[in-house]
C-alpha atoms as a PDB file:
ATOM      1  CA  MET A   1      75.492 102.855 112.513  1.00  0.00           C
ATOM      2  CA  MET A   2      76.471 105.258 115.297  1.00  0.00           C
ATOM      3  CA  PHE A   3      76.057 102.491 117.900  1.00  0.00           C
ATOM      4  CA  CYS A   4      78.414 100.246 115.928  1.00  0.00           C
ATOM      5  CA  LEU A   5      81.075 102.970 115.797  1.00  0.00           C
ATOM      6  CA  LEU A   6      80.700 103.608 119.518  1.00  0.00           C
ATOM      7  CA  LEU A   7      81.008  99.890 120.257  1.00  0.00           C
ATOM      8  CA  LEU A   8      84.079  99.609 118.021  1.00  0.00           C
ATOM      9  CA  GLY A   9      85.680 102.604 119.737  1.00  0.00           C
ATOM     10  CA  ALA A  10      85.059 101.073 123.161  1.00  0.00           C
ATOM     11  CA  ALA A  11      86.550  97.737 122.080  1.00  0.00           C
ATOM     12  CA  MET A  12      89.644  99.275 120.453  1.00  0.00           C
ATOM     13  CA  PRO A  13      91.930  98.982 123.529  1.00  0.00           C
ATOM     14  CA  VAL A  14      91.267  95.230 123.585  1.00  0.00           C
ATOM     15  CA  PHE A  15      92.413  94.820 119.985  1.00  0.00           C
ATOM     16  CA  ALA A  16      95.271  97.322 120.106  1.00  0.00           C
ATOM     17  CA  ALA A  17      96.948  95.913 123.216  1.00  0.00           C
ATOM     18  CA  ASP A  18      99.705  94.024 121.362  1.00  0.00           C
ATOM     19  CA  ILE A  19     100.111  96.042 118.155  1.00  0.00           C
ATOM     20  CA  VAL A  20     103.720  97.052 118.899  1.00  0.00           C
ATOM     21  CA  PRO A  21     106.039  94.099 119.580  1.00  0.00           C
ATOM     22  CA  ALA A  22     108.129  94.182 122.765  1.00  0.00           C
ATOM     23  CA  GLY A  23     111.377  94.179 120.769  1.00  0.00           C
ATOM     24  CA  MET A  24     110.318  97.281 118.888  1.00  0.00           C
ATOM     25  CA  THR A  25     109.381  99.067 122.104  1.00  0.00           C
ATOM     26  CA  SER A  26     112.796  98.426 123.643  1.00  0.00           C
ATOM     27  CA  LEU A  27     114.500  99.576 120.438  1.00  0.00           C
ATOM     28  CA  VAL A  28     112.509 102.812 120.398  1.00  0.00           C
ATOM     29  CA  ASN A  29     113.300 103.406 124.080  1.00  0.00           C
ATOM     30  CA  ALA A  30     117.013 102.890 123.348  1.00  0.00           C
ATOM     31  CA  ILE A  31     116.898 105.390 120.478  1.00  0.00           C
ATOM     32  CA  LEU A  32     115.021 107.871 122.659  1.00  0.00           C
ATOM     33  CA  GLY A  33     117.669 107.432 125.328  1.00  0.00           C
ATOM     34  CA  VAL A  34     120.365 108.376 122.831  1.00  0.00           C
ATOM     35  CA  PHE A  35     118.634 111.601 121.793  1.00  0.00           C
ATOM     36  CA  THR A  36     117.612 112.664 125.297  1.00  0.00           C
ATOM     37  CA  GLY A  37     120.782 111.582 127.068  1.00  0.00           C
ATOM     38  CA  GLY A  38     123.476 113.730 128.569  1.00  0.00           C
ATOM     39  CA  PHE A  39     125.818 113.416 125.584  1.00  0.00           C
ATOM     40  CA  VAL A  40     123.405 115.014 123.105  1.00  0.00           C
ATOM     41  CA  LYS A  41     122.436 117.687 125.638  1.00  0.00           C
ATOM     42  CA  THR A  42     126.120 118.537 126.080  1.00  0.00           C
ATOM     43  CA  ILE A  43     126.591 118.794 122.317  1.00  0.00           C
ATOM     44  CA  LEU A  44     123.561 121.104 122.018  1.00  0.00           C
ATOM     45  CA  ILE A  45     124.873 123.337 124.809  1.00  0.00           C
ATOM     46  CA  ILE A  46     128.269 123.567 123.116  1.00  0.00           C
ATOM     47  CA  PHE A  47     126.646 124.411 119.764  1.00  0.00           C
ATOM     48  CA  LEU A  48     124.451 127.064 121.375  1.00  0.00           C
ATOM     49  CA  ALA A  49     127.471 128.632 123.067  1.00  0.00           C
ATOM     50  CA  ALA A  50     129.367 128.537 119.763  1.00  0.00           C
ATOM     51  CA  CYS A  51     126.425 130.276 118.068  1.00  0.00           C
ATOM     52  CA  ALA A  52     126.559 133.027 120.683  1.00  0.00           C
ATOM     53  CA  VAL A  53     130.299 133.518 120.171  1.00  0.00           C
ATOM     54  CA  ALA A  54     129.998 133.460 116.370  1.00  0.00           C
ATOM     55  CA  TYR A  55     127.106 135.931 116.520  1.00  0.00           C
ATOM     56  CA  GLY A  56     129.208 138.285 118.645  1.00  0.00           C
ATOM     57  CA  PHE A  57     132.149 138.187 116.240  1.00  0.00           C
ATOM     58  CA  ASN A  58     130.152 138.304 112.973  1.00  0.00           C
ATOM     59  CA  LYS A  59     127.519 140.911 113.745  1.00  0.00           C
ATOM     60  CA  ASP A  60     128.343 142.909 110.612  1.00  0.00           C
ATOM     61  CA  ASN A  61     128.167 139.931 108.252  1.00  0.00           C
ATOM     62  CA  GLU A  62     124.460 139.583 107.431  1.00  0.00           C
ATOM     63  CA  LYS A  63     124.715 136.172 105.738  1.00  0.00           C
ATOM     64  CA  MET A  64     126.617 134.679 108.661  1.00  0.00           C
ATOM     65  CA  LYS A  65     124.225 136.309 111.126  1.00  0.00           C
ATOM     66  CA  ARG A  66     121.239 134.645 109.415  1.00  0.00           C
ATOM     67  CA  ASN A  67     122.935 131.239 109.525  1.00  0.00           C
ATOM     68  CA  ILE A  68     123.863 131.599 113.194  1.00  0.00           C
ATOM     69  CA  LEU A  69     120.350 132.670 114.150  1.00  0.00           C
ATOM     70  CA  ALA A  70     118.877 129.750 112.192  1.00  0.00           C
ATOM     71  CA  ILE A  71     121.125 127.272 114.009  1.00  0.00           C
ATOM     72  CA  GLY A  72     120.277 128.840 117.376  1.00  0.00           C
ATOM     73  CA  ILE A  73     116.550 128.683 116.657  1.00  0.00           C
ATOM     74  CA  ALA A  74     116.866 125.052 115.530  1.00  0.00           C
ATOM     75  CA  ILE A  75     118.623 124.141 118.795  1.00  0.00           C
ATOM     76  CA  ALA A  76     115.915 125.926 120.780  1.00  0.00           C
ATOM     77  CA  ILE A  77     113.212 124.010 118.904  1.00  0.00           C
ATOM     78  CA  VAL A  78     114.925 120.675 119.608  1.00  0.00           C
ATOM     79  CA  VAL A  79     115.239 121.461 123.316  1.00  0.00           C
ATOM     80  CA  ALA A  80     111.675 122.799 123.539  1.00  0.00           C
ATOM     81  CA  ALA A  81     110.288 119.778 121.698  1.00  0.00           C
ATOM     82  CA  GLN A  82     111.922 117.431 124.171  1.00  0.00           C
ATOM     83  CA  TRP A  83     110.529 119.425 127.106  1.00  0.00           C
ATOM     84  CA  ILE A  84     107.018 119.561 125.622  1.00  0.00           C
ATOM     85  CA  VAL A  85     106.945 115.833 124.895  1.00  0.00           C
ATOM     86  CA  ASP A  86     108.243 115.050 128.401  1.00  0.00           C
ATOM     87  CA  ALA A  87     105.559 117.294 129.942  1.00  0.00           C
ATOM     88  CA  ILE A  88     102.778 115.655 127.929  1.00  0.00           C
ATOM     89  CA  TRP A  89     104.112 112.164 128.630  1.00  0.00           C
ATOM     90  CA  SER A  90     104.354 112.746 132.379  1.00  0.00           C
ATOM     91  CA  ALA A  91     100.906 114.387 132.466  1.00  0.00           C
ATOM     92  CA  SER A  92      99.397 111.322 130.826  1.00  0.00           C
ATOM     93  CA  GLY A  93     100.809 109.110 133.569  1.00  0.00           C
ATOM     94  CA  GLN A  94     102.963 106.974 131.255  1.00  0.00           C
ATOM     95  CA  ARG A  95     106.145 107.275 133.329  1.00  0.00           C
END
């Protein structure tokens, strides 16, 4: 039983070579280009700067302060996620 699983695992790259169609791969790359392009990065930088300004002006308003911090943390997570995925992708030799 274990030998059969090992053999199946070794043969998996042969069977999985054409699972994703070429049209789907180009579509996914186009969508990725939209989210990692300069336009979205510019929007995130503007939002982060706006969060800093709003935080400075609304320091006494606790509800507004929570919302601003949540937006700032969400932007940081989006930027960090892109960096982490890029680091893993380049380390795997896919680029």
